[in-house]
N, C-alpha and C. Protein backbone atom coordinates (compact mmCIF):
# COMPACT_ATOMS: atom_id res chain seq x y z
N MET A 1 0.85 -1.19 0.00
CA MET A 1 0.00 0.00 0.00
C MET A 1 0.89 1.24 0.00
N SER A 2 0.57 2.22 -0.84
CA SER A 2 1.37 3.42 -0.96
C SER A 2 1.00 4.43 0.11
N ASP A 3 1.87 5.46 0.28
CA ASP A 3 1.58 6.52 1.24
C ASP A 3 0.30 7.24 0.90
N SER A 4 0.04 7.37 -0.40
CA SER A 4 -1.18 8.07 -0.81
C SER A 4 -2.42 7.29 -0.41
N ASP A 5 -2.30 5.93 -0.43
CA ASP A 5 -3.43 5.10 0.00
C ASP A 5 -3.70 5.29 1.50
N ASP A 6 -2.59 5.41 2.28
CA ASP A 6 -2.76 5.63 3.71
C ASP A 6 -3.50 6.93 3.99
N ASP A 7 -3.25 7.93 3.16
CA ASP A 7 -3.89 9.21 3.38
C ASP A 7 -5.40 9.13 3.19
N ASP A 8 -5.87 8.13 2.41
CA ASP A 8 -7.30 8.01 2.14
C ASP A 8 -8.06 7.31 3.27
N ILE A 9 -7.35 6.68 4.22
CA ILE A 9 -8.02 5.97 5.31
C ILE A 9 -8.56 6.97 6.32
N PRO A 10 -9.85 6.93 6.63
CA PRO A 10 -10.42 7.89 7.59
C PRO A 10 -9.85 7.68 8.98
N ARG A 11 -9.56 8.75 9.68
CA ARG A 11 -8.99 8.66 11.02
C ARG A 11 -9.92 9.36 12.01
N LEU A 12 -10.04 8.77 13.21
CA LEU A 12 -10.87 9.35 14.25
C LEU A 12 -10.09 10.37 15.05
N SER A 13 -10.76 11.43 15.44
CA SER A 13 -10.12 12.41 16.32
C SER A 13 -9.92 11.78 17.69
N SER A 14 -9.03 12.33 18.48
CA SER A 14 -8.77 11.79 19.81
C SER A 14 -10.02 11.85 20.68
N HIS A 15 -10.82 12.92 20.49
CA HIS A 15 -12.07 13.05 21.27
C HIS A 15 -13.06 11.96 20.89
N THR A 16 -13.22 11.71 19.58
CA THR A 16 -14.15 10.69 19.11
C THR A 16 -13.68 9.31 19.54
N LEU A 17 -12.38 9.06 19.48
CA LEU A 17 -11.83 7.77 19.87
C LEU A 17 -12.07 7.51 21.35
N ALA A 18 -11.87 8.54 22.18
CA ALA A 18 -12.09 8.39 23.62
C ALA A 18 -13.55 8.09 23.91
N ALA A 19 -14.47 8.78 23.20
CA ALA A 19 -15.90 8.55 23.39
C ALA A 19 -16.28 7.13 22.98
N LEU A 20 -15.67 6.66 21.90
CA LEU A 20 -15.96 5.31 21.42
C LEU A 20 -15.46 4.27 22.41
N GLN A 21 -14.29 4.49 22.98
CA GLN A 21 -13.75 3.56 23.97
C GLN A 21 -14.63 3.52 25.22
N GLU A 22 -15.13 4.70 25.62
CA GLU A 22 -16.01 4.77 26.78
C GLU A 22 -17.31 4.00 26.53
N PHE A 23 -17.84 4.14 25.30
CA PHE A 23 -19.06 3.43 24.92
C PHE A 23 -18.87 1.92 25.02
N TYR A 24 -17.75 1.42 24.47
CA TYR A 24 -17.50 -0.01 24.50
C TYR A 24 -17.29 -0.51 25.93
N ALA A 25 -16.67 0.31 26.77
CA ALA A 25 -16.46 -0.07 28.17
C ALA A 25 -17.80 -0.21 28.90
N GLU A 26 -18.73 0.74 28.61
CA GLU A 26 -20.06 0.69 29.22
C GLU A 26 -20.83 -0.54 28.76
N GLN A 27 -20.69 -0.85 27.46
CA GLN A 27 -21.38 -2.02 26.92
C GLN A 27 -20.87 -3.31 27.56
N LYS A 28 -19.57 -3.37 27.78
CA LYS A 28 -18.97 -4.56 28.40
C LYS A 28 -19.47 -4.71 29.83
N GLN A 29 -19.53 -3.60 30.55
CA GLN A 29 -20.01 -3.64 31.93
C GLN A 29 -21.47 -4.05 31.98
N GLN A 30 -22.25 -3.58 30.98
CA GLN A 30 -23.67 -3.91 30.95
C GLN A 30 -23.88 -5.39 30.71
N SER A 31 -23.07 -6.00 29.85
CA SER A 31 -23.24 -7.40 29.52
C SER A 31 -22.56 -8.33 30.50
N ASP A 32 -21.55 -7.82 31.22
CA ASP A 32 -20.80 -8.67 32.15
C ASP A 32 -20.39 -7.86 33.37
N PRO A 33 -21.35 -7.44 34.18
CA PRO A 33 -21.01 -6.64 35.35
C PRO A 33 -20.21 -7.45 36.34
N GLY A 34 -19.43 -6.78 37.17
CA GLY A 34 -18.60 -7.46 38.15
C GLY A 34 -19.40 -8.22 39.17
N ARG A 35 -18.77 -9.18 39.79
CA ARG A 35 -19.44 -10.04 40.76
C ARG A 35 -20.04 -9.24 41.91
N ASP A 36 -19.33 -8.20 42.33
CA ASP A 36 -19.76 -7.45 43.51
C ASP A 36 -20.98 -6.58 43.25
N ASP A 37 -21.15 -6.09 42.02
CA ASP A 37 -22.24 -5.15 41.78
C ASP A 37 -23.29 -5.64 40.80
N LYS A 38 -23.25 -6.91 40.43
CA LYS A 38 -24.19 -7.41 39.42
C LYS A 38 -25.63 -7.38 39.88
N TYR A 39 -25.84 -7.29 41.20
CA TYR A 39 -27.21 -7.26 41.73
C TYR A 39 -27.65 -5.86 42.12
N ASN A 40 -26.85 -4.86 41.81
CA ASN A 40 -27.25 -3.49 42.12
C ASN A 40 -28.43 -3.07 41.26
N ILE A 41 -29.42 -2.46 41.89
CA ILE A 41 -30.54 -1.90 41.12
C ILE A 41 -30.01 -0.78 40.24
N GLY A 42 -30.29 -0.84 38.96
CA GLY A 42 -29.80 0.17 38.03
C GLY A 42 -28.61 -0.29 37.22
N ILE A 43 -28.02 -1.47 37.57
CA ILE A 43 -26.91 -1.99 36.78
C ILE A 43 -27.37 -2.27 35.35
N ILE A 44 -28.66 -2.60 35.23
CA ILE A 44 -29.31 -2.70 33.92
C ILE A 44 -30.29 -1.55 33.82
N GLU A 45 -30.14 -0.75 32.80
CA GLU A 45 -30.93 0.47 32.69
C GLU A 45 -32.39 0.17 32.36
N GLU A 46 -33.27 1.05 32.82
CA GLU A 46 -34.70 0.93 32.53
C GLU A 46 -34.97 1.13 31.04
N ASN A 47 -35.92 0.37 30.54
CA ASN A 47 -36.52 0.65 29.24
C ASN A 47 -37.79 1.43 29.55
N TRP A 48 -37.77 2.72 29.27
CA TRP A 48 -38.86 3.59 29.75
C TRP A 48 -40.22 3.23 29.19
N LEU A 49 -40.28 2.38 28.18
CA LEU A 49 -41.58 1.98 27.63
C LEU A 49 -42.33 1.06 28.57
N SER A 50 -41.61 0.25 29.36
CA SER A 50 -42.31 -0.74 30.19
C SER A 50 -41.62 -1.03 31.51
N GLN A 51 -40.45 -0.46 31.77
CA GLN A 51 -39.69 -0.82 32.96
C GLN A 51 -39.45 0.40 33.85
N PHE A 52 -39.75 0.23 35.12
CA PHE A 52 -39.47 1.27 36.10
C PHE A 52 -39.01 0.57 37.37
N TRP A 53 -37.78 0.85 37.78
CA TRP A 53 -37.21 0.15 38.93
C TRP A 53 -37.68 0.79 40.24
N TYR A 54 -37.85 -0.04 41.25
CA TYR A 54 -38.21 0.45 42.57
C TYR A 54 -37.03 1.20 43.19
N SER A 55 -37.35 2.08 44.12
CA SER A 55 -36.29 2.72 44.90
C SER A 55 -35.62 1.65 45.76
N GLN A 56 -34.42 1.96 46.27
CA GLN A 56 -33.71 1.00 47.12
C GLN A 56 -34.56 0.62 48.33
N GLU A 57 -35.22 1.60 48.93
CA GLU A 57 -36.01 1.35 50.13
C GLU A 57 -37.21 0.44 49.84
N THR A 58 -37.88 0.70 48.71
CA THR A 58 -39.04 -0.13 48.35
C THR A 58 -38.60 -1.54 48.00
N ALA A 59 -37.53 -1.67 47.22
CA ALA A 59 -37.04 -3.00 46.85
C ALA A 59 -36.68 -3.81 48.08
N LEU A 60 -36.05 -3.15 49.07
CA LEU A 60 -35.68 -3.84 50.30
C LEU A 60 -36.92 -4.26 51.08
N GLN A 61 -37.90 -3.36 51.17
CA GLN A 61 -39.13 -3.67 51.90
C GLN A 61 -39.85 -4.85 51.26
N LEU A 62 -39.95 -4.86 49.94
CA LEU A 62 -40.63 -5.95 49.24
C LEU A 62 -39.84 -7.25 49.34
N ALA A 63 -38.51 -7.15 49.29
CA ALA A 63 -37.67 -8.35 49.43
C ALA A 63 -37.85 -8.97 50.81
N LYS A 64 -37.84 -8.15 51.85
CA LYS A 64 -38.03 -8.65 53.21
C LYS A 64 -39.41 -9.29 53.37
N GLU A 65 -40.41 -8.67 52.77
CA GLU A 65 -41.76 -9.21 52.83
C GLU A 65 -41.82 -10.58 52.16
N ALA A 66 -41.18 -10.70 51.00
CA ALA A 66 -41.17 -11.96 50.26
C ALA A 66 -40.49 -13.06 51.07
N ILE A 67 -39.38 -12.72 51.72
CA ILE A 67 -38.66 -13.70 52.54
C ILE A 67 -39.52 -14.16 53.71
N ALA A 68 -40.15 -13.21 54.38
CA ALA A 68 -41.01 -13.54 55.52
C ALA A 68 -42.18 -14.42 55.09
N ALA A 69 -42.76 -14.09 53.95
CA ALA A 69 -43.93 -14.84 53.47
C ALA A 69 -43.53 -16.23 52.99
N ALA A 70 -42.36 -16.36 52.39
CA ALA A 70 -41.92 -17.66 51.86
C ALA A 70 -41.50 -18.60 52.98
N GLY A 71 -40.93 -18.04 54.05
CA GLY A 71 -40.46 -18.88 55.15
C GLY A 71 -39.09 -19.47 54.86
N GLU A 72 -38.50 -20.06 55.89
CA GLU A 72 -37.16 -20.64 55.75
C GLU A 72 -37.15 -21.75 54.71
N GLY A 73 -36.19 -21.66 53.80
CA GLY A 73 -36.11 -22.65 52.74
C GLY A 73 -37.15 -22.46 51.65
N GLY A 74 -37.84 -21.32 51.67
CA GLY A 74 -38.92 -21.07 50.72
C GLY A 74 -38.44 -20.76 49.32
N ARG A 75 -39.38 -20.80 48.39
CA ARG A 75 -39.10 -20.49 46.98
C ARG A 75 -39.89 -19.24 46.60
N ILE A 76 -39.20 -18.30 45.98
CA ILE A 76 -39.78 -17.00 45.61
C ILE A 76 -39.69 -16.83 44.10
N ALA A 77 -40.78 -16.44 43.48
CA ALA A 77 -40.80 -16.12 42.05
C ALA A 77 -40.99 -14.62 41.87
N CYS A 78 -40.09 -14.00 41.14
CA CYS A 78 -40.21 -12.57 40.82
C CYS A 78 -40.60 -12.45 39.35
N VAL A 79 -41.86 -12.15 39.11
CA VAL A 79 -42.39 -12.08 37.75
C VAL A 79 -42.42 -10.62 37.30
N SER A 80 -41.58 -10.27 36.37
CA SER A 80 -41.46 -8.89 35.87
C SER A 80 -41.17 -7.91 37.01
N ALA A 81 -40.44 -8.38 38.01
CA ALA A 81 -40.07 -7.55 39.15
C ALA A 81 -38.58 -7.71 39.43
N PRO A 82 -37.74 -7.34 38.48
CA PRO A 82 -36.30 -7.62 38.61
C PRO A 82 -35.60 -6.90 39.75
N SER A 83 -36.06 -5.70 40.10
CA SER A 83 -35.36 -5.00 41.18
C SER A 83 -35.59 -5.67 42.53
N VAL A 84 -36.70 -6.39 42.70
CA VAL A 84 -36.89 -7.17 43.93
C VAL A 84 -35.96 -8.38 43.91
N TYR A 85 -35.85 -9.03 42.76
CA TYR A 85 -34.91 -10.14 42.63
C TYR A 85 -33.49 -9.68 42.96
N GLN A 86 -33.08 -8.55 42.40
CA GLN A 86 -31.73 -8.05 42.64
C GLN A 86 -31.50 -7.78 44.12
N LYS A 87 -32.50 -7.19 44.78
CA LYS A 87 -32.35 -6.89 46.21
C LYS A 87 -32.31 -8.18 47.02
N LEU A 88 -33.10 -9.17 46.66
CA LEU A 88 -33.06 -10.45 47.35
C LEU A 88 -31.67 -11.07 47.28
N ARG A 89 -31.07 -11.03 46.11
CA ARG A 89 -29.74 -11.62 45.94
C ARG A 89 -28.65 -10.76 46.58
N ALA A 90 -28.86 -9.44 46.61
CA ALA A 90 -27.88 -8.54 47.22
C ALA A 90 -27.79 -8.75 48.73
N LEU A 91 -28.81 -9.37 49.32
CA LEU A 91 -28.81 -9.63 50.76
C LEU A 91 -27.88 -10.78 51.15
N HIS A 92 -27.41 -11.53 50.13
CA HIS A 92 -26.45 -12.62 50.33
C HIS A 92 -26.97 -13.67 51.32
N ARG A 93 -28.22 -13.99 51.23
CA ARG A 93 -28.80 -15.01 52.09
C ARG A 93 -29.01 -16.29 51.29
N GLU A 94 -28.84 -17.42 51.99
CA GLU A 94 -28.96 -18.72 51.34
C GLU A 94 -30.16 -19.52 51.84
N ASP A 95 -31.01 -18.89 52.66
CA ASP A 95 -32.12 -19.62 53.27
C ASP A 95 -33.40 -19.58 52.43
N PHE A 96 -33.28 -19.24 51.15
CA PHE A 96 -34.41 -19.29 50.23
C PHE A 96 -33.85 -19.41 48.82
N SER A 97 -34.72 -19.80 47.90
CA SER A 97 -34.34 -19.81 46.48
C SER A 97 -35.24 -18.85 45.73
N VAL A 98 -34.73 -18.30 44.65
CA VAL A 98 -35.49 -17.28 43.93
C VAL A 98 -35.20 -17.37 42.44
N TYR A 99 -36.24 -17.14 41.64
CA TYR A 99 -36.11 -17.09 40.18
C TYR A 99 -36.64 -15.75 39.68
N ILE A 100 -36.07 -15.28 38.59
CA ILE A 100 -36.52 -14.05 37.95
C ILE A 100 -37.13 -14.40 36.60
N PHE A 101 -38.40 -14.07 36.43
CA PHE A 101 -39.13 -14.32 35.18
C PHE A 101 -39.19 -13.00 34.42
N GLU A 102 -38.48 -12.92 33.30
CA GLU A 102 -38.32 -11.65 32.59
C GLU A 102 -38.29 -11.83 31.08
N TYR A 103 -38.89 -10.87 30.38
CA TYR A 103 -38.82 -10.83 28.91
C TYR A 103 -37.48 -10.28 28.44
N ASP A 104 -36.93 -9.37 29.22
CA ASP A 104 -35.69 -8.68 28.87
C ASP A 104 -34.51 -9.63 29.08
N LYS A 105 -33.88 -10.03 27.98
CA LYS A 105 -32.82 -11.04 28.07
C LYS A 105 -31.51 -10.49 28.62
N ARG A 106 -31.45 -9.20 28.90
CA ARG A 106 -30.27 -8.68 29.59
C ARG A 106 -30.14 -9.31 30.97
N PHE A 107 -31.27 -9.74 31.55
CA PHE A 107 -31.24 -10.34 32.87
C PHE A 107 -30.76 -11.79 32.84
N ALA A 108 -30.42 -12.28 31.66
CA ALA A 108 -29.84 -13.63 31.55
C ALA A 108 -28.47 -13.70 32.23
N ILE A 109 -27.91 -12.55 32.62
CA ILE A 109 -26.65 -12.56 33.36
C ILE A 109 -26.80 -13.29 34.69
N TYR A 110 -28.05 -13.54 35.12
CA TYR A 110 -28.28 -14.22 36.38
C TYR A 110 -28.37 -15.74 36.23
N GLY A 111 -27.98 -16.21 35.07
CA GLY A 111 -27.78 -17.64 34.87
C GLY A 111 -29.02 -18.48 35.01
N GLU A 112 -28.91 -19.57 35.77
CA GLU A 112 -29.98 -20.55 35.90
C GLU A 112 -31.22 -19.98 36.58
N GLU A 113 -31.06 -18.88 37.30
CA GLU A 113 -32.20 -18.29 37.99
C GLU A 113 -33.04 -17.40 37.06
N PHE A 114 -32.55 -17.15 35.85
CA PHE A 114 -33.30 -16.37 34.86
C PHE A 114 -34.20 -17.29 34.05
N ILE A 115 -35.47 -16.94 33.98
CA ILE A 115 -36.44 -17.67 33.16
C ILE A 115 -37.02 -16.68 32.15
N PHE A 116 -36.84 -16.95 30.87
CA PHE A 116 -37.43 -16.07 29.86
C PHE A 116 -38.95 -16.16 29.97
N TYR A 117 -39.58 -14.98 30.00
CA TYR A 117 -41.03 -14.94 30.23
C TYR A 117 -41.67 -13.85 29.37
N ASP A 118 -42.67 -14.25 28.61
CA ASP A 118 -43.47 -13.33 27.79
C ASP A 118 -44.91 -13.43 28.28
N TYR A 119 -45.43 -12.35 28.83
CA TYR A 119 -46.78 -12.42 29.40
C TYR A 119 -47.84 -12.76 28.36
N ASN A 120 -47.54 -12.56 27.08
CA ASN A 120 -48.48 -12.94 26.03
C ASN A 120 -48.65 -14.45 25.92
N ASN A 121 -47.68 -15.19 26.45
CA ASN A 121 -47.75 -16.65 26.50
C ASN A 121 -47.57 -17.07 27.96
N PRO A 122 -48.58 -16.85 28.77
CA PRO A 122 -48.42 -16.92 30.23
C PRO A 122 -48.01 -18.27 30.79
N LEU A 123 -48.27 -19.34 30.09
CA LEU A 123 -47.92 -20.67 30.60
C LEU A 123 -46.81 -21.33 29.80
N ASP A 124 -46.15 -20.56 28.97
CA ASP A 124 -45.02 -21.08 28.19
C ASP A 124 -43.76 -20.98 29.04
N LEU A 125 -43.59 -21.96 29.91
CA LEU A 125 -42.49 -21.98 30.88
C LEU A 125 -41.72 -23.28 30.75
N PRO A 126 -40.45 -23.30 31.11
CA PRO A 126 -39.66 -24.54 31.01
C PRO A 126 -40.16 -25.63 31.95
N GLU A 127 -39.84 -26.87 31.60
CA GLU A 127 -40.33 -28.01 32.37
C GLU A 127 -39.87 -27.97 33.82
N LYS A 128 -38.71 -27.38 34.07
CA LYS A 128 -38.19 -27.37 35.44
C LYS A 128 -39.03 -26.50 36.38
N ILE A 129 -39.90 -25.66 35.80
CA ILE A 129 -40.79 -24.82 36.61
C ILE A 129 -42.12 -25.53 36.76
N ALA A 130 -42.26 -26.25 37.86
CA ALA A 130 -43.48 -27.04 38.10
C ALA A 130 -44.61 -26.16 38.59
N ALA A 131 -45.82 -26.63 38.36
CA ALA A 131 -47.00 -25.90 38.83
C ALA A 131 -47.02 -25.83 40.35
N HIS A 132 -47.43 -24.68 40.86
CA HIS A 132 -47.60 -24.46 42.31
C HIS A 132 -46.34 -24.82 43.10
N SER A 133 -45.18 -24.41 42.58
CA SER A 133 -43.91 -24.78 43.21
C SER A 133 -43.24 -23.62 43.95
N PHE A 134 -43.93 -22.47 44.06
CA PHE A 134 -43.36 -21.33 44.75
C PHE A 134 -44.23 -20.95 45.94
N ASP A 135 -43.56 -20.63 47.04
CA ASP A 135 -44.28 -20.26 48.26
C ASP A 135 -44.93 -18.89 48.13
N ILE A 136 -44.31 -18.01 47.36
CA ILE A 136 -44.90 -16.70 47.08
C ILE A 136 -44.47 -16.24 45.70
N VAL A 137 -45.37 -15.56 45.02
CA VAL A 137 -45.07 -14.92 43.74
C VAL A 137 -45.23 -13.42 43.92
N ILE A 138 -44.17 -12.67 43.61
CA ILE A 138 -44.28 -11.21 43.55
C ILE A 138 -44.24 -10.81 42.09
N ALA A 139 -45.26 -10.10 41.65
CA ALA A 139 -45.39 -9.79 40.23
C ALA A 139 -45.69 -8.31 40.02
N ASP A 140 -45.14 -7.78 38.94
CA ASP A 140 -45.35 -6.38 38.56
C ASP A 140 -45.58 -6.36 37.05
N PRO A 141 -46.83 -6.54 36.61
CA PRO A 141 -47.12 -6.59 35.18
C PRO A 141 -46.52 -5.39 34.45
N PRO A 142 -45.87 -5.62 33.30
CA PRO A 142 -45.15 -4.55 32.63
C PRO A 142 -46.02 -3.43 32.06
N TYR A 143 -47.29 -3.70 31.84
CA TYR A 143 -48.17 -2.68 31.28
C TYR A 143 -49.42 -2.51 32.14
N LEU A 144 -49.90 -1.30 32.21
CA LEU A 144 -51.08 -0.99 33.02
C LEU A 144 -52.33 -1.18 32.17
N SER A 145 -52.69 -2.44 31.97
CA SER A 145 -53.87 -2.75 31.17
C SER A 145 -54.52 -4.01 31.70
N LYS A 146 -55.83 -4.13 31.47
CA LYS A 146 -56.55 -5.31 31.93
C LYS A 146 -56.04 -6.56 31.24
N GLU A 147 -55.71 -6.46 29.96
CA GLU A 147 -55.22 -7.63 29.23
C GLU A 147 -53.91 -8.14 29.83
N CYS A 148 -52.99 -7.22 30.11
CA CYS A 148 -51.70 -7.61 30.68
C CYS A 148 -51.88 -8.23 32.06
N LEU A 149 -52.73 -7.63 32.88
CA LEU A 149 -52.97 -8.17 34.22
C LEU A 149 -53.63 -9.55 34.13
N ARG A 150 -54.56 -9.70 33.23
CA ARG A 150 -55.25 -10.98 33.10
C ARG A 150 -54.28 -12.10 32.71
N LYS A 151 -53.43 -11.82 31.75
CA LYS A 151 -52.48 -12.84 31.29
C LYS A 151 -51.41 -13.12 32.35
N THR A 152 -50.93 -12.06 33.00
CA THR A 152 -49.94 -12.25 34.07
C THR A 152 -50.56 -13.03 35.22
N SER A 153 -51.84 -12.83 35.46
CA SER A 153 -52.53 -13.55 36.53
C SER A 153 -52.54 -15.06 36.28
N GLU A 154 -52.62 -15.46 35.01
CA GLU A 154 -52.55 -16.89 34.69
C GLU A 154 -51.22 -17.47 35.14
N THR A 155 -50.15 -16.71 34.90
CA THR A 155 -48.81 -17.15 35.31
C THR A 155 -48.72 -17.23 36.83
N ILE A 156 -49.20 -16.18 37.49
CA ILE A 156 -49.14 -16.13 38.96
C ILE A 156 -49.85 -17.32 39.57
N LYS A 157 -51.06 -17.61 39.10
CA LYS A 157 -51.85 -18.71 39.67
C LYS A 157 -51.22 -20.07 39.37
N TYR A 158 -50.51 -20.18 38.26
CA TYR A 158 -49.81 -21.42 37.94
C TYR A 158 -48.62 -21.63 38.87
N LEU A 159 -47.90 -20.56 39.18
CA LEU A 159 -46.66 -20.67 39.94
C LEU A 159 -46.87 -20.81 41.44
N THR A 160 -47.84 -20.09 42.00
CA THR A 160 -47.93 -19.97 43.45
C THR A 160 -48.63 -21.15 44.12
N GLN A 161 -48.16 -21.44 45.35
CA GLN A 161 -48.86 -22.38 46.21
C GLN A 161 -50.03 -21.69 46.89
N GLY A 162 -50.03 -20.37 46.84
CA GLY A 162 -51.14 -19.63 47.45
C GLY A 162 -50.87 -18.15 47.59
N LYS A 163 -49.71 -17.77 48.11
CA LYS A 163 -49.44 -16.37 48.42
C LYS A 163 -49.06 -15.56 47.17
N ILE A 164 -49.65 -14.36 47.11
CA ILE A 164 -49.45 -13.46 45.97
C ILE A 164 -49.15 -12.06 46.48
N LEU A 165 -48.11 -11.44 45.93
CA LEU A 165 -47.81 -10.03 46.19
C LEU A 165 -47.76 -9.34 44.83
N LEU A 166 -48.77 -8.57 44.55
CA LEU A 166 -48.91 -7.91 43.25
C LEU A 166 -48.61 -6.43 43.39
N CYS A 167 -47.83 -5.90 42.46
CA CYS A 167 -47.54 -4.46 42.41
C CYS A 167 -48.04 -3.92 41.07
N THR A 168 -48.98 -2.98 41.14
CA THR A 168 -49.51 -2.40 39.91
C THR A 168 -50.24 -1.11 40.26
N GLY A 169 -50.84 -0.49 39.28
CA GLY A 169 -51.51 0.78 39.50
C GLY A 169 -52.74 0.69 40.39
N ALA A 170 -53.03 1.78 41.07
CA ALA A 170 -54.22 1.83 41.93
C ALA A 170 -55.50 1.63 41.11
N VAL A 171 -55.47 2.02 39.85
CA VAL A 171 -56.66 1.89 39.00
C VAL A 171 -57.01 0.43 38.70
N MET A 172 -56.07 -0.48 39.01
CA MET A 172 -56.30 -1.89 38.74
C MET A 172 -56.86 -2.62 39.96
N GLU A 173 -57.23 -1.89 41.02
CA GLU A 173 -57.65 -2.52 42.27
C GLU A 173 -58.81 -3.49 42.07
N GLU A 174 -59.85 -3.06 41.41
CA GLU A 174 -61.03 -3.91 41.23
C GLU A 174 -60.70 -5.14 40.39
N GLU A 175 -59.95 -4.94 39.31
CA GLU A 175 -59.60 -6.05 38.42
C GLU A 175 -58.68 -7.05 39.14
N ALA A 176 -57.76 -6.53 39.93
CA ALA A 176 -56.84 -7.40 40.66
C ALA A 176 -57.59 -8.25 41.68
N ALA A 177 -58.57 -7.65 42.35
CA ALA A 177 -59.37 -8.38 43.33
C ALA A 177 -60.16 -9.49 42.64
N LYS A 178 -60.69 -9.18 41.48
CA LYS A 178 -61.49 -10.16 40.74
C LYS A 178 -60.65 -11.32 40.23
N LEU A 179 -59.48 -11.01 39.72
CA LEU A 179 -58.63 -12.04 39.10
C LEU A 179 -57.86 -12.87 40.13
N LEU A 180 -57.39 -12.20 41.20
CA LEU A 180 -56.44 -12.86 42.10
C LEU A 180 -56.87 -12.88 43.57
N GLY A 181 -57.98 -12.23 43.87
CA GLY A 181 -58.43 -12.20 45.25
C GLY A 181 -57.52 -11.43 46.18
N VAL A 182 -56.83 -10.41 45.64
CA VAL A 182 -55.90 -9.62 46.44
C VAL A 182 -56.55 -8.32 46.89
N LYS A 183 -56.02 -7.76 47.97
CA LYS A 183 -56.51 -6.47 48.46
C LYS A 183 -55.35 -5.48 48.57
N MET A 184 -55.66 -4.21 48.45
CA MET A 184 -54.65 -3.16 48.48
C MET A 184 -54.04 -3.03 49.88
N CYS A 185 -52.71 -2.87 49.94
CA CYS A 185 -51.99 -2.67 51.20
C CYS A 185 -51.85 -1.18 51.52
N LYS A 186 -51.55 -0.90 52.77
CA LYS A 186 -51.28 0.48 53.18
C LYS A 186 -49.92 0.96 52.68
N PHE A 187 -48.97 0.04 52.57
CA PHE A 187 -47.63 0.39 52.11
C PHE A 187 -47.68 0.93 50.68
N ILE A 188 -47.02 2.05 50.45
CA ILE A 188 -47.00 2.67 49.12
C ILE A 188 -45.60 2.56 48.52
N PRO A 189 -45.44 1.78 47.48
CA PRO A 189 -44.12 1.60 46.87
C PRO A 189 -43.67 2.84 46.12
N LYS A 190 -42.36 3.05 46.09
CA LYS A 190 -41.76 4.17 45.38
C LYS A 190 -40.82 3.65 44.29
N HIS A 191 -40.63 4.48 43.28
CA HIS A 191 -39.72 4.13 42.18
C HIS A 191 -38.57 5.13 42.09
N THR A 192 -37.56 4.75 41.32
CA THR A 192 -36.43 5.66 41.14
C THR A 192 -36.84 6.87 40.31
N ARG A 193 -37.91 6.72 39.54
CA ARG A 193 -38.46 7.84 38.77
C ARG A 193 -39.92 8.04 39.16
N THR A 194 -40.40 9.25 38.98
CA THR A 194 -41.80 9.55 39.30
C THR A 194 -42.71 9.00 38.21
N LEU A 195 -43.72 8.24 38.62
CA LEU A 195 -44.66 7.68 37.65
C LEU A 195 -45.88 8.57 37.50
N GLY A 196 -46.52 8.47 36.36
CA GLY A 196 -47.70 9.29 36.10
C GLY A 196 -48.95 8.75 36.78
N ASN A 197 -48.92 7.45 37.15
CA ASN A 197 -50.08 6.82 37.77
C ASN A 197 -49.76 6.41 39.20
N GLU A 198 -50.77 6.48 40.08
CA GLU A 198 -50.57 6.04 41.46
C GLU A 198 -50.30 4.54 41.47
N PHE A 199 -49.29 4.15 42.22
CA PHE A 199 -48.84 2.76 42.22
C PHE A 199 -49.04 2.17 43.61
N ARG A 200 -49.53 0.91 43.68
CA ARG A 200 -49.82 0.29 44.98
C ARG A 200 -49.41 -1.19 44.99
N CYS A 201 -49.43 -1.75 46.20
CA CYS A 201 -49.18 -3.18 46.40
C CYS A 201 -50.48 -3.85 46.84
N TYR A 202 -50.62 -5.12 46.46
CA TYR A 202 -51.80 -5.90 46.81
C TYR A 202 -51.35 -7.29 47.28
N VAL A 203 -52.03 -7.85 48.26
CA VAL A 203 -51.72 -9.20 48.73
C VAL A 203 -53.00 -9.98 48.98
N ASN A 204 -52.86 -11.29 49.09
CA ASN A 204 -54.01 -12.15 49.41
C ASN A 204 -53.78 -12.90 50.71
N TYR A 205 -52.90 -12.36 51.57
CA TYR A 205 -52.60 -13.01 52.86
C TYR A 205 -52.32 -11.91 53.88
N ASP A 206 -52.20 -12.29 55.14
CA ASP A 206 -51.92 -11.33 56.19
C ASP A 206 -50.46 -10.86 56.07
N SER A 207 -50.27 -9.61 55.70
CA SER A 207 -48.95 -9.12 55.32
C SER A 207 -48.49 -7.95 56.19
N GLY A 208 -47.19 -7.91 56.44
CA GLY A 208 -46.62 -6.77 57.14
C GLY A 208 -46.75 -5.48 56.36
N LEU A 209 -46.94 -5.58 55.05
CA LEU A 209 -47.09 -4.39 54.22
C LEU A 209 -48.38 -3.63 54.54
N ASP A 210 -49.30 -4.33 55.16
CA ASP A 210 -50.58 -3.68 55.49
C ASP A 210 -50.49 -2.85 56.77
N HIS A 211 -49.31 -2.89 57.40
CA HIS A 211 -49.11 -2.11 58.62
C HIS A 211 -48.16 -0.94 58.39
N GLU A 212 -47.73 -0.78 57.11
CA GLU A 212 -46.81 0.32 56.77
C GLU A 212 -47.60 1.48 56.21
N ILE A 213 -47.43 2.63 56.79
CA ILE A 213 -48.15 3.84 56.32
C ILE A 213 -47.21 4.65 55.44
């Protein structure tokens, strides 16, 4: 190749090259976060169309509630509620097992505990997920619609042995009661971002969340 050919090769400015390197570093961290911070809420960014992460305080409160409800050695299913799953694992406790059911395959970084889940196919689950094999299901349907809640409810009822902790909009109270027999709790969950709709928790058992103002 001649010198004149070299002159025709496009070159990146130092500023552009630095920005590109930073981008690739962020992508690598996103796909393979370190062992110590892989369960941090926010390590995977929200998709604003359907994902809103709980605040640290809310995620911790819901995680503690799930542990208490499941009991020692219990099994917990987090359906479209990844920030609760992350907080459960961040507690570094081994006295329960937990799975994350998610459409977003970025959460596949959690290995065997990740179950691909599409609410449009509510019972399309792997064989290893047996019916009524979880002590509690905590679910946060990705969309605020009756159709989404109805289909997610099929999954919840298939997974749970009985206990349900549902997080969704206050406007879904009547529909949630009809589909799942849950009632609204006093505890008001918060998110890292302000939502346009009032958001609440619902349970079908005697819960500590009903004593939180």
